[in-house]
Amino acid sequence: MEYTAHLSKDRRLKKLIDLQEPYKLQKRKHVHLHLCSSILSQQLSTKVARVIHRRFLDLFDTKTPTPEQILAIPTEKLRSIGLSNAKTSYVHNVARFAVEKGMDYRKLNKLENEEVIAYLCEIKGVGRWTAEMLLMFTLGREDVFAVDDLGIQNAMIRLYKLDKKDKKKLREQLLKLSDKWSPYRTYACLHLWHWKDNKPGA
């Protein structure tokens, strides 16, 4: 893969890359659905998130419900599958935004990363991290660094032996380290996540 040679210039990151299979990013349609899925999984373990996501899709006759179909599901019904009041509201916010302002992947594909983030963060319940996950896993953008992701932070603290006491200084160090990974920062994040989850004794 083209990105591996570039990221391997970082010797510590190279050790992870050499132990893992290369990644290939995918572009997906149904942006509103992936955004809803991201909201559903916030602050949940992967296992619980899968259960909630399956229950959510079971509310519909299709695996790809439209924004209009999501809006038509009553609040009580969304609450019944295990969603909090806040998440119920956020899911409806995403669907309403998609109907009123548009969330077509062709439209978003024409925007720069920061433009996509600014656009999606207009939705109450969608923050920068959620928008970054969408850039990576739905729009397939290669150069996204999720500096506020706890998994990324923990992996980099361990890999680069960083001091985590001063949060502001740590953030600056993470951003500085990630600068040299550009334009393939998304792949670096993927390798860091994989290493964090599979590192012996982690």
N, C-alpha and C. Protein backbone atom coordinates (compact mmCIF):
# COMPACT_ATOMS: atom_id res chain seq x y z
N MET A 1 0.84 -1.20 0.00
CA MET A 1 0.00 0.00 0.00
C MET A 1 0.87 1.25 0.00
N GLU A 2 0.43 2.25 -0.71
CA GLU A 2 1.22 3.49 -0.86
C GLU A 2 1.51 4.17 0.48
N TYR A 3 0.54 4.13 1.40
CA TYR A 3 0.70 4.87 2.65
C TYR A 3 1.76 4.27 3.58
N THR A 4 2.00 2.96 3.48
CA THR A 4 2.87 2.30 4.44
C THR A 4 4.31 2.83 4.37
N ALA A 5 4.81 3.11 3.19
CA ALA A 5 6.18 3.61 3.05
C ALA A 5 6.32 4.97 3.74
N HIS A 6 5.31 5.81 3.57
CA HIS A 6 5.35 7.15 4.17
C HIS A 6 5.29 7.05 5.70
N LEU A 7 4.34 6.29 6.23
CA LEU A 7 4.19 6.19 7.68
C LEU A 7 5.36 5.43 8.33
N SER A 8 6.01 4.57 7.55
CA SER A 8 7.12 3.79 8.09
C SER A 8 8.37 4.61 8.34
N LYS A 9 8.36 5.87 7.89
CA LYS A 9 9.47 6.77 8.21
C LYS A 9 9.51 7.04 9.72
N ASP A 10 8.35 6.90 10.36
CA ASP A 10 8.26 7.00 11.82
C ASP A 10 8.58 5.60 12.35
N ARG A 11 9.76 5.45 12.96
CA ARG A 11 10.23 4.13 13.33
C ARG A 11 9.34 3.39 14.33
N ARG A 12 8.76 4.15 15.25
CA ARG A 12 7.89 3.51 16.24
C ARG A 12 6.59 3.03 15.60
N LEU A 13 6.06 3.85 14.71
CA LEU A 13 4.84 3.47 14.01
C LEU A 13 5.10 2.31 13.05
N LYS A 14 6.29 2.28 12.48
CA LYS A 14 6.67 1.21 11.55
C LYS A 14 6.56 -0.17 12.22
N LYS A 15 6.92 -0.23 13.50
CA LYS A 15 6.83 -1.51 14.22
C LYS A 15 5.41 -2.06 14.23
N LEU A 16 4.44 -1.14 14.36
CA LEU A 16 3.03 -1.56 14.36
C LEU A 16 2.60 -1.99 12.96
N ILE A 17 2.99 -1.18 11.98
CA ILE A 17 2.59 -1.43 10.59
C ILE A 17 3.13 -2.79 10.11
N ASP A 18 4.37 -3.10 10.49
CA ASP A 18 4.99 -4.36 10.08
C ASP A 18 4.27 -5.59 10.64
N LEU A 19 3.56 -5.40 11.77
CA LEU A 19 2.87 -6.52 12.42
C LEU A 19 1.42 -6.67 11.97
N GLN A 20 0.92 -5.69 11.20
CA GLN A 20 -0.49 -5.67 10.84
C GLN A 20 -0.70 -5.71 9.33
N GLU A 21 -1.89 -6.14 8.96
CA GLU A 21 -2.28 -6.10 7.55
C GLU A 21 -2.54 -4.64 7.14
N PRO A 22 -2.25 -4.28 5.89
CA PRO A 22 -2.57 -2.90 5.45
C PRO A 22 -4.08 -2.67 5.40
N TYR A 23 -4.46 -1.43 5.57
CA TYR A 23 -5.88 -1.07 5.56
C TYR A 23 -6.28 -0.47 4.22
N LYS A 24 -7.54 -0.66 3.89
CA LYS A 24 -8.10 -0.02 2.69
C LYS A 24 -9.38 0.68 3.11
N LEU A 25 -9.45 1.98 2.90
CA LEU A 25 -10.63 2.74 3.29
C LEU A 25 -11.74 2.57 2.26
N GLN A 26 -12.98 2.64 2.74
CA GLN A 26 -14.13 2.50 1.85
C GLN A 26 -14.99 3.75 1.90
N LYS A 27 -15.64 4.04 0.78
CA LYS A 27 -16.61 5.13 0.74
C LYS A 27 -18.00 4.52 0.77
N ARG A 28 -18.85 5.06 1.63
CA ARG A 28 -20.19 4.50 1.78
C ARG A 28 -21.25 5.56 1.55
N LYS A 29 -22.40 5.11 1.07
CA LYS A 29 -23.53 6.02 0.90
C LYS A 29 -24.34 6.05 2.21
N HIS A 30 -25.55 6.57 2.16
CA HIS A 30 -26.42 6.63 3.34
C HIS A 30 -25.72 7.30 4.54
N VAL A 31 -25.21 8.50 4.29
CA VAL A 31 -24.44 9.23 5.30
C VAL A 31 -25.25 9.41 6.59
N HIS A 32 -26.52 9.75 6.44
CA HIS A 32 -27.36 9.99 7.63
C HIS A 32 -27.42 8.77 8.53
N LEU A 33 -27.41 7.60 7.91
CA LEU A 33 -27.51 6.34 8.66
C LEU A 33 -26.23 6.08 9.45
N HIS A 34 -25.10 6.34 8.83
CA HIS A 34 -23.82 6.14 9.50
C HIS A 34 -23.63 7.14 10.64
N LEU A 35 -24.17 8.34 10.44
CA LEU A 35 -24.10 9.35 11.49
C LEU A 35 -24.98 8.94 12.68
N CYS A 36 -26.15 8.43 12.39
CA CYS A 36 -27.03 7.91 13.45
C CYS A 36 -26.36 6.77 14.20
N SER A 37 -25.73 5.89 13.45
CA SER A 37 -25.04 4.74 14.05
C SER A 37 -23.93 5.19 14.99
N SER A 38 -23.22 6.23 14.58
CA SER A 38 -22.14 6.77 15.41
C SER A 38 -22.70 7.33 16.72
N ILE A 39 -23.84 8.00 16.64
CA ILE A 39 -24.49 8.54 17.83
C ILE A 39 -24.97 7.41 18.74
N LEU A 40 -25.54 6.37 18.15
CA LEU A 40 -26.03 5.23 18.93
C LEU A 40 -24.91 4.58 19.74
N SER A 41 -23.69 4.55 19.16
CA SER A 41 -22.59 3.83 19.79
C SER A 41 -21.77 4.67 20.77
N GLN A 42 -22.06 5.96 20.85
CA GLN A 42 -21.30 6.83 21.75
C GLN A 42 -21.37 6.33 23.20
N GLN A 43 -20.19 6.26 23.84
CA GLN A 43 -20.05 5.88 25.25
C GLN A 43 -20.57 4.48 25.55
N LEU A 44 -20.58 3.62 24.55
CA LEU A 44 -20.99 2.22 24.76
C LEU A 44 -19.86 1.29 24.34
N SER A 45 -19.81 0.11 24.92
CA SER A 45 -18.85 -0.89 24.46
C SER A 45 -19.28 -1.33 23.06
N THR A 46 -18.34 -1.90 22.33
CA THR A 46 -18.62 -2.35 20.96
C THR A 46 -19.77 -3.36 20.95
N LYS A 47 -19.76 -4.26 21.94
CA LYS A 47 -20.77 -5.32 22.01
C LYS A 47 -22.18 -4.73 22.21
N VAL A 48 -22.31 -3.83 23.18
CA VAL A 48 -23.61 -3.20 23.46
C VAL A 48 -24.06 -2.35 22.28
N ALA A 49 -23.11 -1.64 21.67
CA ALA A 49 -23.42 -0.78 20.52
C ALA A 49 -24.02 -1.60 19.38
N ARG A 50 -23.47 -2.80 19.16
CA ARG A 50 -23.98 -3.67 18.09
C ARG A 50 -25.44 -4.07 18.35
N VAL A 51 -25.72 -4.39 19.61
CA VAL A 51 -27.08 -4.80 20.00
C VAL A 51 -28.07 -3.65 19.76
N ILE A 52 -27.70 -2.45 20.21
CA ILE A 52 -28.57 -1.28 20.05
C ILE A 52 -28.77 -0.97 18.56
N HIS A 53 -27.69 -1.08 17.79
CA HIS A 53 -27.78 -0.80 16.35
C HIS A 53 -28.72 -1.78 15.66
N ARG A 54 -28.63 -3.05 16.05
CA ARG A 54 -29.50 -4.08 15.45
C ARG A 54 -30.97 -3.80 15.80
N ARG A 55 -31.21 -3.44 17.07
CA ARG A 55 -32.57 -3.10 17.49
C ARG A 55 -33.10 -1.90 16.72
N PHE A 56 -32.23 -0.94 16.48
CA PHE A 56 -32.62 0.27 15.74
C PHE A 56 -33.07 -0.10 14.33
N LEU A 57 -32.27 -0.90 13.63
CA LEU A 57 -32.62 -1.29 12.26
C LEU A 57 -33.87 -2.17 12.22
N ASP A 58 -34.09 -2.93 13.29
CA ASP A 58 -35.28 -3.80 13.36
C ASP A 58 -36.59 -3.00 13.45
N LEU A 59 -36.48 -1.71 13.73
CA LEU A 59 -37.68 -0.86 13.78
C LEU A 59 -38.24 -0.58 12.37
N PHE A 60 -37.43 -0.91 11.36
CA PHE A 60 -37.79 -0.58 9.98
C PHE A 60 -37.95 -1.84 9.13
N ASP A 61 -38.61 -1.68 7.99
CA ASP A 61 -38.77 -2.80 7.05
C ASP A 61 -37.57 -2.91 6.10
N THR A 62 -36.61 -2.00 6.26
CA THR A 62 -35.44 -1.98 5.39
C THR A 62 -34.20 -1.77 6.24
N LYS A 63 -33.06 -2.20 5.73
CA LYS A 63 -31.80 -2.00 6.45
C LYS A 63 -31.21 -0.61 6.18
N THR A 64 -31.83 0.10 5.24
CA THR A 64 -31.35 1.46 4.93
C THR A 64 -32.51 2.45 4.99
N PRO A 65 -33.04 2.68 6.20
CA PRO A 65 -34.16 3.62 6.32
C PRO A 65 -33.79 5.04 5.89
N THR A 66 -34.73 5.71 5.29
CA THR A 66 -34.51 7.09 4.85
C THR A 66 -34.62 8.03 6.05
N PRO A 67 -34.13 9.27 5.92
CA PRO A 67 -34.30 10.24 7.01
C PRO A 67 -35.78 10.42 7.39
N GLU A 68 -36.65 10.41 6.37
CA GLU A 68 -38.09 10.57 6.62
C GLU A 68 -38.63 9.41 7.46
N GLN A 69 -38.16 8.19 7.18
CA GLN A 69 -38.61 7.02 7.95
C GLN A 69 -38.11 7.08 9.39
N ILE A 70 -36.91 7.59 9.59
CA ILE A 70 -36.36 7.72 10.94
C ILE A 70 -37.16 8.77 11.72
N LEU A 71 -37.48 9.87 11.06
CA LEU A 71 -38.27 10.93 11.72
C LEU A 71 -39.66 10.44 12.12
N ALA A 72 -40.18 9.48 11.36
CA ALA A 72 -41.54 8.98 11.62
C ALA A 72 -41.62 8.04 12.83
N ILE A 73 -40.45 7.57 13.30
CA ILE A 73 -40.45 6.69 14.48
C ILE A 73 -40.65 7.54 15.73
N PRO A 74 -41.69 7.26 16.52
CA PRO A 74 -41.96 8.06 17.72
C PRO A 74 -40.82 7.96 18.75
N THR A 75 -40.68 9.02 19.52
CA THR A 75 -39.65 9.07 20.57
C THR A 75 -39.73 7.87 21.50
N GLU A 76 -40.96 7.51 21.92
CA GLU A 76 -41.13 6.39 22.86
C GLU A 76 -40.58 5.09 22.30
N LYS A 77 -40.75 4.91 20.98
CA LYS A 77 -40.29 3.68 20.36
C LYS A 77 -38.75 3.63 20.34
N LEU A 78 -38.13 4.77 20.08
CA LEU A 78 -36.66 4.83 20.11
C LEU A 78 -36.15 4.61 21.53
N ARG A 79 -36.87 5.15 22.50
CA ARG A 79 -36.47 4.96 23.90
C ARG A 79 -36.57 3.48 24.29
N SER A 80 -37.54 2.77 23.69
CA SER A 80 -37.79 1.37 24.06
C SER A 80 -36.66 0.43 23.64
N ILE A 81 -35.79 0.86 22.71
CA ILE A 81 -34.68 -0.01 22.29
C ILE A 81 -33.41 0.25 23.11
N GLY A 82 -33.53 1.15 24.09
CA GLY A 82 -32.39 1.39 24.98
C GLY A 82 -31.68 2.71 24.78
N LEU A 83 -32.31 3.63 24.04
CA LEU A 83 -31.69 4.94 23.83
C LEU A 83 -32.08 5.90 24.95
N SER A 84 -31.13 6.76 25.32
CA SER A 84 -31.43 7.80 26.30
C SER A 84 -32.28 8.87 25.63
N ASN A 85 -32.85 9.76 26.44
CA ASN A 85 -33.62 10.87 25.88
C ASN A 85 -32.76 11.70 24.93
N ALA A 86 -31.50 11.94 25.36
CA ALA A 86 -30.59 12.76 24.55
C ALA A 86 -30.31 12.10 23.20
N LYS A 87 -29.98 10.81 23.20
CA LYS A 87 -29.67 10.12 21.94
C LYS A 87 -30.88 10.05 21.02
N THR A 88 -32.05 9.85 21.62
CA THR A 88 -33.29 9.84 20.83
C THR A 88 -33.46 11.16 20.10
N SER A 89 -33.23 12.23 20.83
CA SER A 89 -33.33 13.58 20.25
C SER A 89 -32.28 13.79 19.16
N TYR A 90 -31.04 13.32 19.40
CA TYR A 90 -29.95 13.52 18.43
C TYR A 90 -30.19 12.76 17.12
N VAL A 91 -30.73 11.54 17.25
CA VAL A 91 -31.04 10.74 16.05
C VAL A 91 -32.08 11.47 15.19
N HIS A 92 -33.10 12.00 15.84
CA HIS A 92 -34.11 12.77 15.12
C HIS A 92 -33.51 14.05 14.54
N ASN A 93 -32.58 14.66 15.27
CA ASN A 93 -31.91 15.87 14.76
C ASN A 93 -31.16 15.60 13.46
N VAL A 94 -30.47 14.46 13.43
CA VAL A 94 -29.71 14.07 12.22
C VAL A 94 -30.67 13.89 11.04
N ALA A 95 -31.74 13.15 11.28
CA ALA A 95 -32.72 12.89 10.22
C ALA A 95 -33.36 14.19 9.72
N ARG A 96 -33.70 15.07 10.66
CA ARG A 96 -34.33 16.36 10.30
C ARG A 96 -33.36 17.22 9.47
N PHE A 97 -32.11 17.23 9.88
CA PHE A 97 -31.08 18.00 9.17
C PHE A 97 -30.91 17.46 7.75
N ALA A 98 -30.91 16.12 7.63
CA ALA A 98 -30.76 15.49 6.30
C ALA A 98 -31.91 15.87 5.38
N VAL A 99 -33.12 15.95 5.94
CA VAL A 99 -34.29 16.32 5.15
C VAL A 99 -34.24 17.80 4.76
N GLU A 100 -33.92 18.64 5.73
CA GLU A 100 -34.01 20.09 5.51
C GLU A 100 -32.79 20.69 4.79
N LYS A 101 -31.58 20.20 5.13
CA LYS A 101 -30.37 20.81 4.57
C LYS A 101 -29.62 19.90 3.61
N GLY A 102 -29.85 18.61 3.73
CA GLY A 102 -29.19 17.66 2.82
C GLY A 102 -27.95 17.03 3.43
N MET A 103 -27.77 15.74 3.14
CA MET A 103 -26.60 15.01 3.64
C MET A 103 -26.14 14.00 2.59
N ASP A 104 -26.34 14.36 1.34
CA ASP A 104 -25.97 13.46 0.25
C ASP A 104 -24.46 13.31 0.19
N TYR A 105 -23.98 12.07 0.04
CA TYR A 105 -22.54 11.83 0.04
C TYR A 105 -21.83 12.54 -1.11
N ARG A 106 -22.54 12.75 -2.22
CA ARG A 106 -21.92 13.46 -3.36
C ARG A 106 -21.66 14.92 -3.00
N LYS A 107 -22.58 15.49 -2.24
CA LYS A 107 -22.42 16.88 -1.78
C LYS A 107 -21.25 16.98 -0.81
N LEU A 108 -21.21 16.06 0.16
CA LEU A 108 -20.14 16.09 1.17
C LEU A 108 -18.78 15.77 0.56
N ASN A 109 -18.76 14.93 -0.46
CA ASN A 109 -17.49 14.57 -1.10
C ASN A 109 -16.79 15.76 -1.76
N LYS A 110 -17.56 16.80 -2.06
CA LYS A 110 -16.98 18.00 -2.69
C LYS A 110 -16.36 18.95 -1.67
N LEU A 111 -16.64 18.70 -0.38
CA LEU A 111 -16.16 19.59 0.67
C LEU A 111 -14.82 19.12 1.26
N GLU A 112 -14.03 20.07 1.73
CA GLU A 112 -12.79 19.75 2.45
C GLU A 112 -13.17 19.18 3.83
N ASN A 113 -12.22 18.50 4.48
CA ASN A 113 -12.48 17.88 5.79
C ASN A 113 -13.07 18.86 6.80
N GLU A 114 -12.44 20.01 6.94
CA GLU A 114 -12.90 20.98 7.94
C GLU A 114 -14.29 21.53 7.57
N GLU A 115 -14.58 21.61 6.28
CA GLU A 115 -15.90 22.07 5.85
C GLU A 115 -16.98 21.05 6.22
N VAL A 116 -16.64 19.77 6.05
CA VAL A 116 -17.59 18.70 6.43
C VAL A 116 -17.85 18.75 7.94
N ILE A 117 -16.78 18.91 8.72
CA ILE A 117 -16.91 18.97 10.17
C ILE A 117 -17.78 20.15 10.59
N ALA A 118 -17.51 21.32 10.02
CA ALA A 118 -18.29 22.52 10.36
C ALA A 118 -19.77 22.33 9.99
N TYR A 119 -20.01 21.71 8.85
CA TYR A 119 -21.38 21.51 8.36
C TYR A 119 -22.14 20.56 9.29
N LEU A 120 -21.53 19.43 9.62
CA LEU A 120 -22.21 18.43 10.44
C LEU A 120 -22.35 18.85 11.91
N CYS A 121 -21.40 19.67 12.38
CA CYS A 121 -21.46 20.11 13.77
C CYS A 121 -22.56 21.15 14.02
N GLU A 122 -23.26 21.55 12.95
CA GLU A 122 -24.45 22.39 13.12
C GLU A 122 -25.58 21.59 13.78
N ILE A 123 -25.48 20.26 13.67
CA ILE A 123 -26.52 19.39 14.23
C ILE A 123 -26.28 19.21 15.72
N LYS A 124 -27.30 19.50 16.54
CA LYS A 124 -27.16 19.30 17.98
C LYS A 124 -27.02 17.81 18.26
N GLY A 125 -25.93 17.44 18.93
CA GLY A 125 -25.65 16.03 19.20
C GLY A 125 -24.49 15.50 18.39
N VAL A 126 -24.05 16.28 17.39
CA VAL A 126 -22.89 15.89 16.57
C VAL A 126 -21.72 16.81 16.90
N GLY A 127 -20.67 16.23 17.43
CA GLY A 127 -19.47 16.99 17.76
C GLY A 127 -18.36 16.67 16.79
N ARG A 128 -17.22 17.24 17.04
CA ARG A 128 -16.07 17.08 16.13
C ARG A 128 -15.66 15.60 15.98
N TRP A 129 -15.60 14.87 17.12
CA TRP A 129 -15.17 13.47 17.07
C TRP A 129 -16.11 12.66 16.16
N THR A 130 -17.42 12.86 16.33
CA THR A 130 -18.41 12.11 15.53
C THR A 130 -18.23 12.42 14.04
N ALA A 131 -18.00 13.70 13.73
CA ALA A 131 -17.78 14.10 12.33
C ALA A 131 -16.49 13.49 11.78
N GLU A 132 -15.46 13.42 12.62
CA GLU A 132 -14.19 12.82 12.19
C GLU A 132 -14.36 11.33 11.88
N MET A 133 -15.15 10.63 12.70
CA MET A 133 -15.39 9.21 12.45
C MET A 133 -16.12 9.02 11.12
N LEU A 134 -17.03 9.94 10.82
CA LEU A 134 -17.75 9.87 9.56
C LEU A 134 -16.81 10.12 8.38
N LEU A 135 -15.91 11.08 8.53
CA LEU A 135 -14.92 11.36 7.49
C LEU A 135 -14.08 10.11 7.19
N MET A 136 -13.68 9.43 8.25
CA MET A 136 -12.83 8.24 8.08
C MET A 136 -13.58 7.06 7.49
N PHE A 137 -14.69 6.70 8.16
CA PHE A 137 -15.32 5.41 7.89
C PHE A 137 -16.48 5.44 6.91
N THR A 138 -16.97 6.64 6.57
CA THR A 138 -18.06 6.74 5.59
C THR A 138 -17.59 7.43 4.31
N LEU A 139 -16.85 8.52 4.48
CA LEU A 139 -16.37 9.25 3.30
C LEU A 139 -14.99 8.78 2.84
N GLY A 140 -14.35 7.94 3.65
CA GLY A 140 -13.07 7.35 3.25
C GLY A 140 -11.94 8.34 3.10
N ARG A 141 -11.92 9.37 3.94
CA ARG A 141 -10.85 10.38 3.87
C ARG A 141 -9.57 9.85 4.51
N GLU A 142 -8.45 10.05 3.82
CA GLU A 142 -7.19 9.45 4.24
C GLU A 142 -6.40 10.26 5.27
N ASP A 143 -6.75 11.54 5.41
CA ASP A 143 -5.89 12.40 6.25
C ASP A 143 -6.67 13.05 7.39
N VAL A 144 -7.21 12.20 8.27
CA VAL A 144 -7.95 12.68 9.44
C VAL A 144 -7.24 12.18 10.70
N PHE A 145 -7.01 13.08 11.64
CA PHE A 145 -6.39 12.69 12.91
C PHE A 145 -7.34 13.02 14.05
N ALA A 146 -7.82 11.98 14.72
CA ALA A 146 -8.80 12.16 15.80
C ALA A 146 -8.07 12.38 17.13
N VAL A 147 -7.58 13.60 17.31
CA VAL A 147 -6.73 13.91 18.47
C VAL A 147 -7.47 13.74 19.80
N ASP A 148 -8.79 13.90 19.80
CA ASP A 148 -9.55 13.81 21.04
C ASP A 148 -10.05 12.40 21.35
N ASP A 149 -9.72 11.43 20.49
CA ASP A 149 -10.14 10.05 20.72
C ASP A 149 -9.27 9.43 21.82
N LEU A 150 -9.93 8.91 22.84
CA LEU A 150 -9.22 8.36 24.00
C LEU A 150 -8.34 7.17 23.62
N GLY A 151 -8.82 6.33 22.71
CA GLY A 151 -8.04 5.18 22.26
C GLY A 151 -6.75 5.60 21.57
N ILE A 152 -6.85 6.61 20.71
CA ILE A 152 -5.67 7.14 20.01
C ILE A 152 -4.70 7.74 21.03
N GLN A 153 -5.24 8.52 21.95
CA GLN A 153 -4.39 9.15 22.97
C GLN A 153 -3.64 8.10 23.77
N ASN A 154 -4.36 7.08 24.27
CA ASN A 154 -3.73 6.04 25.09
C ASN A 154 -2.67 5.26 24.33
N ALA A 155 -2.96 4.97 23.05
CA ALA A 155 -2.00 4.23 22.23
C ALA A 155 -0.73 5.05 22.01
N MET A 156 -0.90 6.34 21.74
CA MET A 156 0.28 7.20 21.47
C MET A 156 1.07 7.47 22.75
N ILE A 157 0.38 7.60 23.88
CA ILE A 157 1.07 7.77 25.18
C ILE A 157 1.98 6.57 25.44
N ARG A 158 1.45 5.39 25.14
CA ARG A 158 2.21 4.15 25.36
C ARG A 158 3.35 4.00 24.35
N LEU A 159 3.03 4.27 23.09
CA LEU A 159 4.02 4.05 22.02
C LEU A 159 5.17 5.05 22.09
N TYR A 160 4.85 6.30 22.41
CA TYR A 160 5.88 7.36 22.39
C TYR A 160 6.33 7.76 23.79
N LYS A 161 5.88 7.00 24.81
CA LYS A 161 6.28 7.26 26.21
C LYS A 161 6.02 8.72 26.60
N LEU A 162 4.79 9.17 26.39
CA LEU A 162 4.43 10.56 26.66
C LEU A 162 3.89 10.73 28.07
N ASP A 163 4.08 11.92 28.61
CA ASP A 163 3.55 12.25 29.93
C ASP A 163 2.13 12.80 29.75
N LYS A 164 1.17 12.20 30.45
CA LYS A 164 -0.22 12.59 30.24
C LYS A 164 -0.74 13.56 31.30
N LYS A 165 0.11 14.01 32.21
CA LYS A 165 -0.35 14.87 33.30
C LYS A 165 -0.88 16.21 32.80
N ASP A 166 -0.12 16.86 31.91
CA ASP A 166 -0.52 18.16 31.37
C ASP A 166 -1.31 17.94 30.07
N LYS A 167 -2.63 18.05 30.16
CA LYS A 167 -3.51 17.73 29.03
C LYS A 167 -3.23 18.62 27.81
N LYS A 168 -3.00 19.91 28.07
CA LYS A 168 -2.77 20.85 26.96
C LYS A 168 -1.46 20.52 26.24
N LYS A 169 -0.42 20.26 27.02
CA LYS A 169 0.88 19.91 26.44
C LYS A 169 0.80 18.59 25.68
N LEU A 170 0.07 17.62 26.26
CA LEU A 170 -0.09 16.32 25.60
C LEU A 170 -0.75 16.49 24.24
N ARG A 171 -1.81 17.28 24.19
CA ARG A 171 -2.53 17.51 22.93
C ARG A 171 -1.60 18.10 21.86
N GLU A 172 -0.77 19.05 22.29
CA GLU A 172 0.20 19.67 21.36
C GLU A 172 1.20 18.64 20.85
N GLN A 173 1.65 17.76 21.74
CA GLN A 173 2.60 16.71 21.34
C GLN A 173 1.98 15.74 20.34
N LEU A 174 0.73 15.37 20.60
CA LEU A 174 0.03 14.44 19.70
C LEU A 174 -0.12 15.04 18.31
N LEU A 175 -0.52 16.31 18.27
CA LEU A 175 -0.70 16.99 16.98
C LEU A 175 0.64 17.12 16.23
N LYS A 176 1.70 17.42 16.99
CA LYS A 176 3.03 17.56 16.36
C LYS A 176 3.50 16.23 15.78
N LEU A 177 3.31 15.15 16.54
CA LEU A 177 3.69 13.82 16.04
C LEU A 177 2.89 13.46 14.79
N SER A 178 1.60 13.81 14.80
CA SER A 178 0.72 13.43 13.68
C SER A 178 1.01 14.23 12.41
N ASP A 179 1.58 15.41 12.56
CA ASP A 179 1.87 16.26 11.39
C ASP A 179 2.70 15.52 10.35
N LYS A 180 3.68 14.75 10.82
CA LYS A 180 4.58 14.07 9.87
C LYS A 180 3.92 12.86 9.20
N TRP A 181 2.75 12.47 9.72
CA TRP A 181 2.02 11.35 9.09
C TRP A 181 1.18 11.81 7.90
N SER A 182 0.89 13.10 7.85
CA SER A 182 0.08 13.64 6.75
C SER A 182 0.75 13.35 5.42
N PRO A 183 0.03 12.98 4.37
CA PRO A 183 -1.43 13.00 4.18
C PRO A 183 -2.13 11.66 4.45
N TYR A 184 -1.58 10.85 5.37
CA TYR A 184 -2.16 9.52 5.62
C TYR A 184 -2.47 9.31 7.10
N ARG A 185 -2.93 10.35 7.77
CA ARG A 185 -3.14 10.26 9.21
C ARG A 185 -4.26 9.28 9.61
N THR A 186 -5.25 9.11 8.74
CA THR A 186 -6.33 8.15 9.04
C THR A 186 -5.75 6.74 9.21
N TYR A 187 -4.84 6.36 8.31
CA TYR A 187 -4.25 5.02 8.39
C TYR A 187 -3.44 4.86 9.68
N ALA A 188 -2.75 5.91 10.08
CA ALA A 188 -2.00 5.87 11.34
C ALA A 188 -2.96 5.60 12.50
N CYS A 189 -4.11 6.29 12.49
CA CYS A 189 -5.11 6.08 13.53
C CYS A 189 -5.60 4.62 13.54
N LEU A 190 -5.83 4.07 12.36
CA LEU A 190 -6.31 2.68 12.27
C LEU A 190 -5.30 1.71 12.86
N HIS A 191 -4.02 1.93 12.56
CA HIS A 191 -2.99 1.04 13.10
C HIS A 191 -2.85 1.22 14.62
N LEU A 192 -2.99 2.44 15.10
CA LEU A 192 -2.91 2.70 16.54
C LEU A 192 -4.09 2.04 17.28
N TRP A 193 -5.28 2.16 16.73
CA TRP A 193 -6.46 1.52 17.33
C TRP A 193 -6.27 0.01 17.40
N HIS A 194 -5.82 -0.56 16.29
CA HIS A 194 -5.64 -2.01 16.21
C HIS A 194 -4.61 -2.48 17.23
N TRP A 195 -3.52 -1.74 17.34
CA TRP A 195 -2.44 -2.09 18.28
C TRP A 195 -2.93 -1.99 19.72
N LYS A 196 -3.69 -0.93 20.00
CA LYS A 196 -4.22 -0.73 21.35
C LYS A 196 -5.11 -1.91 21.77
N ASP A 197 -5.94 -2.36 20.84
CA ASP A 197 -6.91 -3.43 21.14
C ASP A 197 -6.27 -4.81 21.20
N ASN A 198 -5.13 -4.96 20.51
CA ASN A 198 -4.55 -6.30 20.40
C ASN A 198 -3.19 -6.45 21.08
N LYS A 199 -2.69 -5.35 21.66
CA LYS A 199 -1.39 -5.42 22.30
C LYS A 199 -1.44 -6.37 23.51
N PRO A 200 -0.49 -7.31 23.61
CA PRO A 200 -0.48 -8.25 24.75
C PRO A 200 -0.46 -7.48 26.07
N GLY A 201 -1.34 -7.87 26.97
CA GLY A 201 -1.38 -7.24 28.28
C GLY A 201 -2.12 -5.93 28.31
N ALA A 202 -2.70 -5.53 27.15
CA ALA A 202 -3.40 -4.23 27.11
C ALA A 202 -4.73 -4.34 27.83
